[in-house]
Protein backbone atom coordinates (compact mmCIF):
# COMPACT_ATOMS: atom_id res chain seq x y z
CA UNK A 1 -28.48 5.24 5.99
CA UNK A 2 -31.79 4.57 7.73
CA UNK A 3 -33.49 3.95 4.40
CA UNK A 4 -30.80 2.15 2.43
CA UNK A 5 -28.25 0.67 4.84
CA UNK A 6 -26.78 -1.74 3.98
CA UNK A 7 -26.30 -1.03 0.27
CA UNK A 8 -25.30 -4.34 -1.27
CA UNK A 9 -23.56 -4.71 -4.64
CA UNK A 10 -25.14 -6.60 -7.55
CA UNK A 11 -23.30 -9.77 -8.46
CA UNK A 12 -20.93 -9.06 -11.35
CA UNK A 13 -22.33 -11.90 -13.47
CA UNK A 14 -25.76 -10.23 -13.40
CA UNK A 15 -24.46 -6.93 -14.81
CA UNK A 16 -24.47 -6.43 -18.57
CA UNK A 17 -22.58 -3.54 -20.15
CA UNK A 18 -24.40 -2.45 -23.30
CA UNK A 19 -23.15 -0.50 -26.29
CA UNK A 20 -25.14 1.70 -28.64
CA UNK A 21 -27.35 -0.52 -30.79
CA UNK A 22 -27.04 -3.65 -28.64
CA UNK A 23 -30.17 -5.80 -28.35
CA UNK A 24 -31.61 -8.13 -25.75
CA UNK A 25 -34.40 -10.55 -26.62
CA UNK A 26 -36.60 -11.07 -23.56
CA UNK A 27 -39.49 -12.91 -25.27
CA UNK A 28 -40.35 -14.36 -28.66
CA UNK A 29 -42.13 -11.15 -29.63
CA UNK A 30 -40.12 -8.66 -27.57
CA UNK A 31 -36.64 -7.27 -28.13
CA UNK A 32 -35.01 -4.40 -26.27
CA UNK A 33 -32.59 -2.18 -28.18
CA UNK A 34 -30.21 0.10 -26.30
CA UNK A 35 -29.17 3.56 -27.50
CA UNK A 36 -26.59 6.01 -26.21
CA UNK A 37 -28.56 9.19 -25.51
CA UNK A 38 -26.45 11.79 -23.65
CA UNK A 39 -27.47 15.35 -22.90
CA UNK A 40 -29.00 15.06 -19.47
CA UNK A 41 -25.98 12.96 -18.48
CA UNK A 42 -23.27 11.10 -20.35
CA UNK A 43 -24.26 7.73 -18.87
CA UNK A 44 -27.89 7.93 -20.00
CA UNK A 45 -29.19 5.25 -22.34
CA UNK A 46 -32.64 4.88 -23.88
CA UNK A 47 -34.25 1.50 -24.39
CA UNK A 48 -36.60 0.75 -27.29
CA UNK A 49 -39.27 -1.88 -26.70
CA UNK A 50 -40.23 -3.65 -29.92
CA UNK A 51 -43.59 -4.93 -28.64
CA UNK A 52 -45.07 -1.51 -27.87
CA UNK A 53 -42.82 0.53 -30.17
CA UNK A 54 -42.13 2.61 -27.09
CA UNK A 55 -38.89 3.93 -25.68
CA UNK A 56 -37.70 4.31 -22.09
CA UNK A 57 -35.85 7.63 -22.04
CA UNK A 58 -34.92 8.22 -18.41
CA UNK A 59 -34.49 12.01 -18.16
CA UNK A 60 -32.95 12.40 -21.62
CA UNK A 61 -35.83 14.30 -23.19
CA UNK A 62 -37.37 15.72 -20.08
CA UNK A 63 -39.79 15.28 -17.22
CA UNK A 64 -43.51 14.65 -17.62
CA UNK A 65 -45.73 16.46 -15.08
CA UNK A 66 -48.69 14.11 -14.90
CA UNK A 67 -50.10 16.07 -11.97
CA UNK A 68 -51.63 18.44 -14.52
CA UNK A 69 -53.53 15.72 -16.38
CA UNK A 70 -56.67 16.39 -14.34
CA UNK A 71 -56.76 19.85 -15.94
CA UNK A 72 -56.11 18.56 -19.44
CA UNK A 73 -52.68 20.23 -19.45
CA UNK A 74 -49.54 18.56 -20.76
CA UNK A 75 -46.23 19.87 -19.46
CA UNK A 76 -42.84 18.44 -20.41
CA UNK A 77 -39.73 20.27 -19.24
CA UNK A 78 -36.04 19.55 -19.84
CA UNK A 79 -34.07 18.12 -16.94
CA UNK A 80 -30.77 20.01 -16.91
CA UNK A 81 -29.34 18.84 -13.60
CA UNK A 82 -25.59 18.85 -12.87
CA UNK A 83 -22.98 17.81 -13.62
CA UNK A 84 -22.98 16.54 -17.22
CA UNK A 85 -25.73 18.59 -18.86
CA UNK A 86 -24.99 19.32 -22.52
CA UNK A 87 -27.75 21.14 -24.47
CA UNK A 88 -26.46 20.22 -27.94
CA UNK A 89 -26.23 16.56 -26.98
CA UNK A 90 -29.74 16.68 -25.52
CA UNK A 91 -31.17 17.97 -28.80
CA UNK A 92 -29.17 15.40 -30.77
CA UNK A 93 -30.59 12.63 -28.57
CA UNK A 94 -34.09 14.04 -29.03
CA UNK A 95 -33.61 14.06 -32.80
CA UNK A 96 -32.41 10.45 -32.73
CA UNK A 97 -35.40 9.32 -30.70
CA UNK A 98 -37.76 11.34 -32.90
CA UNK A 99 -36.35 9.68 -36.03
CA UNK A 100 -37.37 6.29 -34.65
CA UNK A 101 -41.10 7.13 -34.94
CA UNK A 102 -41.98 5.59 -31.59
CA UNK A 103 -45.58 5.42 -30.40
CA UNK A 104 -44.94 5.94 -26.70
CA UNK A 105 -42.33 7.60 -24.52
CA UNK A 106 -41.77 6.10 -21.07
CA UNK A 107 -40.28 8.76 -18.79
CA UNK A 108 -38.04 8.19 -15.81
CA UNK A 109 -40.09 10.97 -14.16
CA UNK A 110 -42.96 10.16 -14.43
CA UNK A 111 -45.24 7.93 -16.49
CA UNK A 112 -45.82 7.50 -20.20
CA UNK A 113 -47.04 9.71 -23.04
CA UNK A 114 -48.36 8.72 -26.45
CA UNK A 115 -48.44 12.36 -27.55
CA UNK A 116 -44.83 12.11 -28.67
CA UNK A 117 -44.95 15.10 -31.03
CA UNK A 118 -45.93 17.33 -28.13
CA UNK A 119 -43.03 15.98 -26.08
CA UNK A 120 -40.56 16.89 -28.83
CA UNK A 121 -42.15 20.29 -29.42
CA UNK A 122 -42.06 21.26 -25.75
CA UNK A 123 -38.42 20.22 -25.37
CA UNK A 124 -37.53 22.31 -28.42
CA UNK A 125 -39.46 25.23 -26.92
CA UNK A 126 -38.23 25.11 -23.33
CA UNK A 127 -34.60 24.05 -23.68
CA UNK A 128 -33.50 27.24 -25.50
CA UNK A 129 -35.37 29.29 -22.91
CA UNK A 130 -33.57 27.49 -20.08
CA UNK A 131 -30.16 27.91 -21.75
CA UNK A 132 -30.53 31.49 -22.96
CA UNK A 133 -31.96 32.64 -19.64
CA UNK A 134 -29.18 30.78 -17.85
CA UNK A 135 -26.53 32.56 -19.89
CA UNK A 136 -28.03 35.95 -19.10
CA UNK A 137 -28.17 35.19 -15.38
CA UNK A 138 -24.69 33.64 -15.32
CA UNK A 139 -23.19 36.82 -16.76
CA UNK A 140 -24.76 38.88 -13.96
CA UNK A 141 -23.44 36.92 -10.97
CA UNK A 142 -20.02 35.79 -9.75
CA UNK A 143 -21.37 33.50 -7.04
CA UNK A 144 -22.67 30.03 -7.99
CA UNK A 145 -25.39 29.88 -5.34
CA UNK A 146 -26.63 33.39 -6.07
CA UNK A 147 -26.74 32.68 -9.80
CA UNK A 148 -28.59 29.42 -9.24
CA UNK A 149 -31.18 31.06 -7.02
CA UNK A 150 -31.69 33.92 -9.47
CA UNK A 151 -32.07 31.54 -12.40
CA UNK A 152 -34.52 29.38 -10.48
CA UNK A 153 -36.65 32.46 -9.80
CA UNK A 154 -36.67 33.64 -13.41
CA UNK A 155 -37.44 30.18 -14.82
CA UNK A 156 -40.22 29.62 -12.29
CA UNK A 157 -41.73 32.96 -13.29
CA UNK A 158 -41.71 31.93 -16.95
CA UNK A 159 -43.22 28.52 -16.24
CA UNK A 160 -45.81 29.97 -13.87
CA UNK A 161 -46.83 32.53 -16.48
CA UNK A 162 -47.23 29.73 -19.03
CA UNK A 163 -49.34 27.63 -16.67
CA UNK A 164 -51.48 30.60 -15.66
CA UNK A 165 -52.41 31.08 -19.31
CA UNK A 166 -53.53 27.44 -19.31
CA UNK A 167 -55.74 28.13 -16.26
CA UNK A 168 -53.60 26.20 -13.81
CA UNK A 169 -54.29 27.65 -10.34
CA UNK A 170 -51.32 29.08 -8.46
CA UNK A 171 -51.91 26.72 -5.53
CA UNK A 172 -51.81 23.56 -7.66
CA UNK A 173 -49.69 20.78 -6.16
CA UNK A 174 -47.50 20.67 -9.28
CA UNK A 175 -45.70 23.79 -8.06
CA UNK A 176 -44.26 21.90 -5.09
CA UNK A 177 -42.56 19.53 -7.52
CA UNK A 178 -41.57 22.25 -9.98
CA UNK A 179 -39.75 24.30 -7.34
CA UNK A 180 -37.42 21.42 -6.54
CA UNK A 181 -36.96 20.34 -10.16
CA UNK A 182 -36.19 23.85 -11.38
CA UNK A 183 -33.76 24.44 -8.53
CA UNK A 184 -31.80 21.36 -9.63
CA UNK A 185 -32.05 22.31 -13.30
CA UNK A 186 -30.81 25.82 -12.51
CA UNK A 187 -27.77 24.30 -10.78
CA UNK A 188 -27.01 22.26 -13.88
CA UNK A 189 -27.26 25.23 -16.21
CA UNK A 190 -25.02 27.45 -14.08
CA UNK A 191 -22.59 24.54 -13.74
CA UNK A 192 -22.59 24.17 -17.54
CA UNK A 193 -21.69 27.83 -18.11
CA UNK A 194 -19.12 27.77 -15.30
CA UNK A 195 -17.33 24.89 -17.02
CA UNK A 196 -17.57 26.63 -20.38
CA UNK A 197 -15.98 29.77 -18.94
CA UNK A 198 -13.14 27.77 -17.39
CA UNK A 199 -12.54 25.91 -20.64
CA UNK A 200 -12.43 29.15 -22.62
CA UNK A 201 -10.02 30.77 -20.16
CA UNK A 202 -7.72 27.75 -20.43
CA UNK A 203 -7.70 27.98 -24.23
CA UNK A 204 -7.05 31.71 -24.18
């Protein structure tokens, strides 16, 4: 409340509801095209900018850890936060964006990358690791918080091992950010499997 009070609504006439494929011309040489890109969350859209042939992806295809740029290391990790994470939809959205042959990806967190192939490759590498590890951990615990904590620990170990091989020191500031991000992602993965289990029990 101290930071945001009062929270005022936007005037209704200023709000535009967009559908997949809708466009908005904002200059003679610049058109924005909106795409439905679920996976991280059902409400997520990506916005293609015709002038730069870049796309604003929010968290749909991951988080960019620019803090490692000083070491020449690129790290892109999936954002699997609760409560609408869907791995298949995330890959489908990645494939859609990849098919557009964009030159730049503008991340919600944080910054931009022109090495788009590396972004796609790392998402394809890390997402199965997050999901498969999450399934293994989920099957070992009955408590949501315990499962989340355990998954966070295992995923952090895997990421830390990867970064160590790239000569990232263990006291690098990126770890402060990673701990929070992976905690939230672990929650989303355990939430995903919890919902799957409930859905399966209802069917059976």
